[in-house]
C-alpha atoms as a PDB file:
ATOM      1  CA  MET A   1     153.837 102.344 155.522  1.00  0.00           C
ATOM      2  CA  ASP A   2     152.881  99.164 153.499  1.00  0.00           C
ATOM      3  CA  SER A   3     151.584 100.406 150.155  1.00  0.00           C
ATOM      4  CA  ILE A   4     153.053 102.353 147.321  1.00  0.00           C
ATOM      5  CA  LEU A   5     151.364 103.526 144.406  1.00  0.00           C
ATOM      6  CA  PHE A   6     153.286 104.754 141.265  1.00  0.00           C
ATOM      7  CA  ASP A   7     152.203 106.946 138.478  1.00  0.00           C
ATOM      8  CA  LEU A   8     153.225 105.398 134.964  1.00  0.00           C
ATOM      9  CA  ASP A   9     154.529 107.827 132.730  1.00  0.00           C
ATOM     10  CA  GLY A  10     157.271 110.101 133.701  1.00  0.00           C
ATOM     11  CA  THR A  11     157.691 107.761 136.882  1.00  0.00           C
ATOM     12  CA  LEU A  12     158.208 104.139 135.876  1.00  0.00           C
ATOM     13  CA  VAL A  13     158.473 104.731 132.168  1.00  0.00           C
ATOM     14  CA  ASP A  14     159.706 107.367 129.732  1.00  0.00           C
ATOM     15  CA  SER A  15     157.164 107.429 127.184  1.00  0.00           C
ATOM     16  CA  ALA A  16     158.512 110.565 125.321  1.00  0.00           C
ATOM     17  CA  ILE A  17     160.094 108.898 122.524  1.00  0.00           C
ATOM     18  CA  GLU A  18     156.946 106.898 121.473  1.00  0.00           C
ATOM     19  CA  THR A  19     154.884 109.865 122.201  1.00  0.00           C
ATOM     20  CA  ARG A  20     156.920 112.007 119.788  1.00  0.00           C
ATOM     21  CA  THR A  21     157.058 109.443 117.225  1.00  0.00           C
ATOM     22  CA  ILE A  22     153.165 109.217 117.220  1.00  0.00           C
ATOM     23  CA  LEU A  23     152.577 113.023 117.186  1.00  0.00           C
ATOM     24  CA  ASN A  24     155.073 113.703 114.520  1.00  0.00           C
ATOM     25  CA  ASP A  25     153.547 110.853 112.390  1.00  0.00           C
ATOM     26  CA  MET A  26     150.318 112.687 112.797  1.00  0.00           C
ATOM     27  CA  ARG A  27     151.872 116.089 112.036  1.00  0.00           C
ATOM     28  CA  ALA A  28     153.536 114.608 108.961  1.00  0.00           C
ATOM     29  CA  GLU A  29     149.945 113.398 107.802  1.00  0.00           C
ATOM     30  CA  ARG A  30     148.727 117.026 107.839  1.00  0.00           C
ATOM     31  CA  GLY A  31     151.780 118.573 106.190  1.00  0.00           C
ATOM     32  CA  LEU A  32     153.495 119.827 109.482  1.00  0.00           C
ATOM     33  CA  GLY A  33     157.254 119.624 110.501  1.00  0.00           C
ATOM     34  CA  PRO A  34     158.529 117.484 113.350  1.00  0.00           C
ATOM     35  CA  ILE A  35     158.683 118.633 116.827  1.00  0.00           C
ATOM     36  CA  GLU A  36     161.204 117.721 119.858  1.00  0.00           C
ATOM     37  CA  ASP A  37     160.145 116.270 123.245  1.00  0.00           C
ATOM     38  CA  ASN A  38     160.302 119.623 125.042  1.00  0.00           C
ATOM     39  CA  HIS A  39     157.427 120.946 123.007  1.00  0.00           C
ATOM     40  CA  PHE A  40     155.103 118.346 124.757  1.00  0.00           C
ATOM     41  CA  ARG A  41     156.781 116.763 127.836  1.00  0.00           C
ATOM     42  CA  GLN A  42     154.954 118.715 130.114  1.00  0.00           C
ATOM     43  CA  SER A  43     151.652 117.688 128.561  1.00  0.00           C
ATOM     44  CA  ILE A  44     152.190 113.763 128.932  1.00  0.00           C
ATOM     45  CA  SER A  45     150.532 113.926 132.553  1.00  0.00           C
ATOM     46  CA  TYR A  46     147.398 115.400 131.318  1.00  0.00           C
ATOM     47  CA  GLY A  47     146.662 112.798 128.547  1.00  0.00           C
ATOM     48  CA  ALA A  48     146.061 112.563 124.677  1.00  0.00           C
ATOM     49  CA  GLY A  49     143.706 115.472 124.548  1.00  0.00           C
ATOM     50  CA  SER A  50     146.250 117.843 125.801  1.00  0.00           C
ATOM     51  CA  LEU A  51     148.816 116.135 123.812  1.00  0.00           C
ATOM     52  CA  ILE A  52     146.918 116.744 120.602  1.00  0.00           C
ATOM     53  CA  LYS A  53     146.348 120.426 121.733  1.00  0.00           C
ATOM     54  CA  SER A  54     150.055 120.954 122.375  1.00  0.00           C
ATOM     55  CA  ALA A  55     151.363 119.386 119.035  1.00  0.00           C
ATOM     56  CA  LEU A  56     148.606 119.833 116.485  1.00  0.00           C
ATOM     57  CA  ALA A  57     146.982 122.875 117.806  1.00  0.00           C
ATOM     58  CA  PRO A  58     143.679 122.057 116.308  1.00  0.00           C
ATOM     59  CA  ARG A  59     141.036 124.929 116.019  1.00  0.00           C
ATOM     60  CA  ASP A  60     137.432 123.815 114.739  1.00  0.00           C
ATOM     61  CA  GLU A  61     138.544 120.151 114.505  1.00  0.00           C
ATOM     62  CA  ASP A  62     136.655 117.611 116.859  1.00  0.00           C
ATOM     63  CA  LEU A  63     139.286 116.333 119.370  1.00  0.00           C
ATOM     64  CA  GLN A  64     137.879 112.875 120.008  1.00  0.00           C
ATOM     65  CA  PRO A  65     138.809 111.424 116.456  1.00  0.00           C
ATOM     66  CA  LEU A  66     142.183 112.813 116.980  1.00  0.00           C
ATOM     67  CA  ILE A  67     142.477 111.421 120.261  1.00  0.00           C
ATOM     68  CA  ASP A  68     141.157 108.040 118.805  1.00  0.00           C
ATOM     69  CA  GLU A  69     143.889 108.155 116.266  1.00  0.00           C
ATOM     70  CA  PHE A  70     146.695 108.749 118.769  1.00  0.00           C
ATOM     71  CA  ARG A  71     145.603 105.901 120.914  1.00  0.00           C
ATOM     72  CA  ALA A  72     145.469 103.617 118.054  1.00  0.00           C
ATOM     73  CA  LYS A  73     148.921 104.540 116.873  1.00  0.00           C
ATOM     74  CA  TYR A  74     150.127 103.977 120.407  1.00  0.00           C
ATOM     75  CA  ARG A  75     148.497 100.560 120.615  1.00  0.00           C
ATOM     76  CA  ALA A  76     150.442  99.578 117.265  1.00  0.00           C
ATOM     77  CA  LEU A  77     153.753 100.445 118.737  1.00  0.00           C
ATOM     78  CA  THR A  78     155.798  98.061 121.227  1.00  0.00           C
ATOM     79  CA  THR A  79     157.080  99.848 124.414  1.00  0.00           C
ATOM     80  CA  PRO A  80     160.863  99.065 124.737  1.00  0.00           C
ATOM     81  CA  ARG A  81     162.215  97.713 127.938  1.00  0.00           C
ATOM     82  CA  SER A  82     164.826 100.602 127.503  1.00  0.00           C
ATOM     83  CA  SER A  83     162.138 103.130 128.308  1.00  0.00           C
ATOM     84  CA  ILE A  84     161.999 101.974 131.944  1.00  0.00           C
ATOM     85  CA  TYR A  85     163.917 104.721 134.089  1.00  0.00           C
ATOM     86  CA  PRO A  86     167.175 103.577 135.578  1.00  0.00           C
ATOM     87  CA  THR A  87     167.003 101.413 138.921  1.00  0.00           C
ATOM     88  CA  VAL A  88     163.018 100.968 138.514  1.00  0.00           C
ATOM     89  CA  VAL A  89     163.273  97.265 138.018  1.00  0.00           C
ATOM     90  CA  GLU A  90     165.755  96.752 141.185  1.00  0.00           C
ATOM     91  CA  THR A  91     163.812  99.085 143.397  1.00  0.00           C
ATOM     92  CA  LEU A  92     160.427  97.225 142.615  1.00  0.00           C
ATOM     93  CA  SER A  93     162.098  93.838 143.117  1.00  0.00           C
ATOM     94  CA  ASP A  94     163.458  94.950 146.559  1.00  0.00           C
ATOM     95  CA  LEU A  95     160.329  96.567 147.538  1.00  0.00           C
ATOM     96  CA  LYS A  96     158.021  93.546 146.648  1.00  0.00           C
ATOM     97  CA  ALA A  97     160.760  91.136 148.413  1.00  0.00           C
ATOM     98  CA  ARG A  98     160.155  93.239 151.540  1.00  0.00           C
ATOM     99  CA  GLY A  99     156.406  92.621 151.524  1.00  0.00           C
ATOM    100  CA  PHE A 100     155.275  96.137 150.313  1.00  0.00           C
ATOM    101  CA  LYS A 101     151.898  96.334 148.395  1.00  0.00           C
ATOM    102  CA  LEU A 102     152.717  97.917 144.913  1.00  0.00           C
ATOM    103  CA  ALA A 103     150.062  99.381 142.654  1.00  0.00           C
ATOM    104  CA  VAL A 104     150.067 101.501 139.263  1.00  0.00           C
ATOM    105  CA  CYS A 105     147.587 104.572 139.598  1.00  0.00           C
ATOM    106  CA  THR A 106     147.690 106.315 136.198  1.00  0.00           C
ATOM    107  CA  ASN A 107     145.276 108.325 133.868  1.00  0.00           C
ATOM    108  CA  LYS A 108     146.312 106.230 130.886  1.00  0.00           C
ATOM    109  CA  PRO A 109     143.683 104.154 129.535  1.00  0.00           C
ATOM    110  CA  GLN A 110     143.458 100.780 131.002  1.00  0.00           C
ATOM    111  CA  GLY A 111     144.137  98.922 128.033  1.00  0.00           C
ATOM    112  CA  LEU A 112     147.104 101.060 127.045  1.00  0.00           C
ATOM    113  CA  CYS A 113     148.489 100.851 130.607  1.00  0.00           C
ATOM    114  CA  GLU A 114     148.304  97.179 130.698  1.00  0.00           C
ATOM    115  CA  LYS A 115     150.143  97.013 127.325  1.00  0.00           C
ATOM    116  CA  VAL A 116     152.922  99.231 128.343  1.00  0.00           C
ATOM    117  CA  LEU A 117     153.529  97.047 131.686  1.00  0.00           C
ATOM    118  CA  LYS A 118     153.318  93.955 129.648  1.00  0.00           C
ATOM    119  CA  ASP A 119     155.634  95.288 126.752  1.00  0.00           C
ATOM    120  CA  THR A 120     158.136  96.345 129.419  1.00  0.00           C
ATOM    121  CA  ALA A 121     157.887  93.119 131.813  1.00  0.00           C
ATOM    122  CA  LEU A 122     156.911  95.364 134.701  1.00  0.00           C
ATOM    123  CA  GLU A 123     153.230  93.979 135.159  1.00  0.00           C
ATOM    124  CA  SER A 124     154.357  91.238 137.748  1.00  0.00           C
ATOM    125  CA  PHE A 125     155.442  93.579 140.315  1.00  0.00           C
ATOM    126  CA  PHE A 126     151.827  95.106 140.815  1.00  0.00           C
ATOM    127  CA  GLU A 127     148.923  93.599 142.824  1.00  0.00           C
ATOM    128  CA  CYS A 128     146.580  96.066 140.917  1.00  0.00           C
ATOM    129  CA  VAL A 129     146.606  98.607 138.074  1.00  0.00           C
ATOM    130  CA  VAL A 130     143.937 101.497 138.168  1.00  0.00           C
ATOM    131  CA  ALA A 131     144.038 103.366 135.072  1.00  0.00           C
ATOM    132  CA  GLY A 132     141.670 105.711 132.988  1.00  0.00           C
ATOM    133  CA  GLY A 133     138.309 104.679 132.275  1.00  0.00           C
ATOM    134  CA  PRO A 134     134.796 105.613 132.251  1.00  0.00           C
ATOM    135  CA  SER A 135     134.013 104.741 135.737  1.00  0.00           C
ATOM    136  CA  ILE A 136     136.901 106.643 137.523  1.00  0.00           C
ATOM    137  CA  LYS A 137     137.565 110.546 137.419  1.00  0.00           C
ATOM    138  CA  PRO A 138     141.138 111.214 136.367  1.00  0.00           C
ATOM    139  CA  LYS A 139     143.812 112.458 138.658  1.00  0.00           C
ATOM    140  CA  PRO A 140     143.943 115.024 140.240  1.00  0.00           C
ATOM    141  CA  HIS A 141     140.483 113.686 141.550  1.00  0.00           C
ATOM    142  CA  PRO A 142     141.530 111.172 144.154  1.00  0.00           C
ATOM    143  CA  ASP A 143     139.007 108.501 142.732  1.00  0.00           C
ATOM    144  CA  ALA A 144     141.789 106.378 141.438  1.00  0.00           C
ATOM    145  CA  ILE A 145     143.932 106.458 144.522  1.00  0.00           C
ATOM    146  CA  HIS A 146     141.018 105.299 146.462  1.00  0.00           C
ATOM    147  CA  VAL A 147     140.196 102.495 144.204  1.00  0.00           C
ATOM    148  CA  ALA A 148     143.877 101.433 144.311  1.00  0.00           C
ATOM    149  CA  ILE A 149     144.124 101.409 148.202  1.00  0.00           C
ATOM    150  CA  SER A 150     140.693  99.552 148.175  1.00  0.00           C
ATOM    151  CA  SER A 151     141.921  96.868 145.822  1.00  0.00           C
ATOM    152  CA  LEU A 152     145.117  96.440 147.728  1.00  0.00           C
ATOM    153  CA  GLY A 153     143.274  96.082 150.888  1.00  0.00           C
ATOM    154  CA  ALA A 154     145.324  99.073 152.286  1.00  0.00           C
ATOM    155  CA  ASP A 155     144.479 102.045 154.279  1.00  0.00           C
ATOM    156  CA  VAL A 156     145.055 105.949 153.528  1.00  0.00           C
ATOM    157  CA  SER A 157     147.110 106.088 156.671  1.00  0.00           C
ATOM    158  CA  SER A 158     149.657 103.540 155.106  1.00  0.00           C
ATOM    159  CA  THR A 159     149.670 104.403 151.634  1.00  0.00           C
ATOM    160  CA  VAL A 160     152.045 106.953 149.551  1.00  0.00           C
ATOM    161  CA  LEU A 161     152.101 108.032 145.920  1.00  0.00           C
ATOM    162  CA  ILE A 162     155.154 108.234 143.656  1.00  0.00           C
ATOM    163  CA  GLY A 163     154.661 110.757 140.704  1.00  0.00           C
ATOM    164  CA  ASP A 164     156.285 113.471 138.713  1.00  0.00           C
ATOM    165  CA  SER A 165     153.526 116.100 138.145  1.00  0.00           C
ATOM    166  CA  THR A 166     151.362 118.536 139.709  1.00  0.00           C
ATOM    167  CA  THR A 167     148.398 116.084 138.739  1.00  0.00           C
ATOM    168  CA  ASP A 168     149.934 113.205 140.925  1.00  0.00           C
ATOM    169  CA  GLN A 169     150.700 115.931 143.812  1.00  0.00           C
ATOM    170  CA  ARG A 170     147.212 117.328 143.830  1.00  0.00           C
ATOM    171  CA  ALA A 171     145.633 114.053 143.845  1.00  0.00           C
ATOM    172  CA  ALA A 172     147.619 112.609 146.583  1.00  0.00           C
ATOM    173  CA  GLN A 173     146.769 115.718 148.523  1.00  0.00           C
ATOM    174  CA  SER A 174     143.180 115.256 147.819  1.00  0.00           C
ATOM    175  CA  ALA A 175     143.190 111.745 148.966  1.00  0.00           C
ATOM    176  CA  GLY A 176     145.082 112.720 152.089  1.00  0.00           C
ATOM    177  CA  ILE A 177     148.315 110.666 151.543  1.00  0.00           C
ATOM    178  CA  PRO A 178     151.867 111.527 151.366  1.00  0.00           C
ATOM    179  CA  PHE A 179     153.454 112.438 147.872  1.00  0.00           C
ATOM    180  CA  ILE A 180     157.116 111.556 146.892  1.00  0.00           C
ATOM    181  CA  PHE A 181     157.990 113.584 144.017  1.00  0.00           C
ATOM    182  CA  PHE A 182     160.092 111.905 141.071  1.00  0.00           C
ATOM    183  CA  ALA A 183     162.291 114.747 140.027  1.00  0.00           C
ATOM    184  CA  SER A 184     163.381 112.973 136.686  1.00  0.00           C
ATOM    185  CA  GLY A 185     160.073 112.914 135.178  1.00  0.00           C
ATOM    186  CA  TYR A 186     157.959 115.250 133.465  1.00  0.00           C
ATOM    187  CA  ASN A 187     157.706 118.072 136.042  1.00  0.00           C
ATOM    188  CA  ASP A 188     155.155 120.642 135.164  1.00  0.00           C
ATOM    189  CA  GLY A 189     155.591 122.735 138.316  1.00  0.00           C
ATOM    190  CA  VAL A 190     155.607 120.375 141.419  1.00  0.00           C
ATOM    191  CA  VAL A 191     155.608 122.386 144.750  1.00  0.00           C
ATOM    192  CA  GLU A 192     158.723 120.433 146.187  1.00  0.00           C
ATOM    193  CA  ASP A 193     158.268 121.797 149.634  1.00  0.00           C
ATOM    194  CA  GLN A 194     154.676 120.281 149.877  1.00  0.00           C
ATOM    195  CA  ALA A 195     156.281 116.778 148.994  1.00  0.00           C
ATOM    196  CA  MET A 196     157.095 114.468 151.598  1.00  0.00           C
ATOM    197  CA  ALA A 197     160.353 114.014 149.762  1.00  0.00           C
ATOM    198  CA  SER A 198     161.955 114.289 146.212  1.00  0.00           C
ATOM    199  CA  ILE A 199     163.870 111.449 144.487  1.00  0.00           C
ATOM    200  CA  GLY A 200     166.190 111.696 141.399  1.00  0.00           C
ATOM    201  CA  GLU A 201     166.471 108.011 140.935  1.00  0.00           C
ATOM    202  CA  MET A 202     163.959 105.536 141.771  1.00  0.00           C
ATOM    203  CA  ARG A 203     166.631 103.573 143.969  1.00  0.00           C
ATOM    204  CA  ASP A 204     166.560 106.803 146.220  1.00  0.00           C
ATOM    205  CA  LEU A 205     163.208 105.494 147.357  1.00  0.00           C
ATOM    206  CA  LEU A 206     165.020 102.723 149.163  1.00  0.00           C
ATOM    207  CA  THR A 207     167.044 105.056 151.320  1.00  0.00           C
ATOM    208  CA  LEU A 208     163.772 106.514 152.435  1.00  0.00           C
ATOM    209  CA  VAL A 209     162.338 103.185 153.288  1.00  0.00           C
ATOM    210  CA  LYS A 210     163.623 101.637 156.801  1.00  0.00           C
ATOM    211  CA  THR A 211     161.293  98.908 157.321  1.00  0.00           C
ATOM    212  CA  LYS A 212     158.051  97.612 155.904  1.00  0.00           C
ATOM    213  CA  SER A 213     156.183  99.935 158.267  1.00  0.00           C
ATOM    214  CA  GLN A 214     158.355 102.760 158.681  1.00  0.00           C
ATOM    215  CA  LEU A 215     159.250 105.548 156.180  1.00  0.00           C
ATOM    216  CA  ILE A 216     161.738 108.281 157.067  1.00  0.00           C
END
């Protein structure tokens, strides 16, 4: 095992605070009261459209302008380094030092993903970033995983995906690679007994890794 793919939101970064700020801003503009994280946390893995439906419940309104508004507000925010999950930086540093190939594989739009990684200073750990775009079908389709594996010069047989949602789990299954469940994320019903392993903190990943080529 020499290549590790990471989901972004709910795996490397807890984006719930920024998401809540944006959604409550949009709700306030429409005369609606604020909502808490538990109202939308399980929708984060499914993208802006699902978040809009969860928080604003638009009926006859076209979703795309609302999605565009959400993303514009997101671009205007700076993602603080405090949003990085505990022990992520140490774990990525250790894995990179051991020679693992690391990549991000997310449904977040490419520009927003790169901004979050830059804001949090995580970008230097990854050899490639495969995010949402018109040419890649979103997870749970395996497109993004295949692109990441190709970009890393890796192989399906030597790659694993770390994620927090059923979207990640199903994508890994479709791509034919093992899935490690990050249980501290936005779990929306991951079937844990179908995951290769579950971890509560990112540093727990290091206890699974014995050498560059062997995963317990």
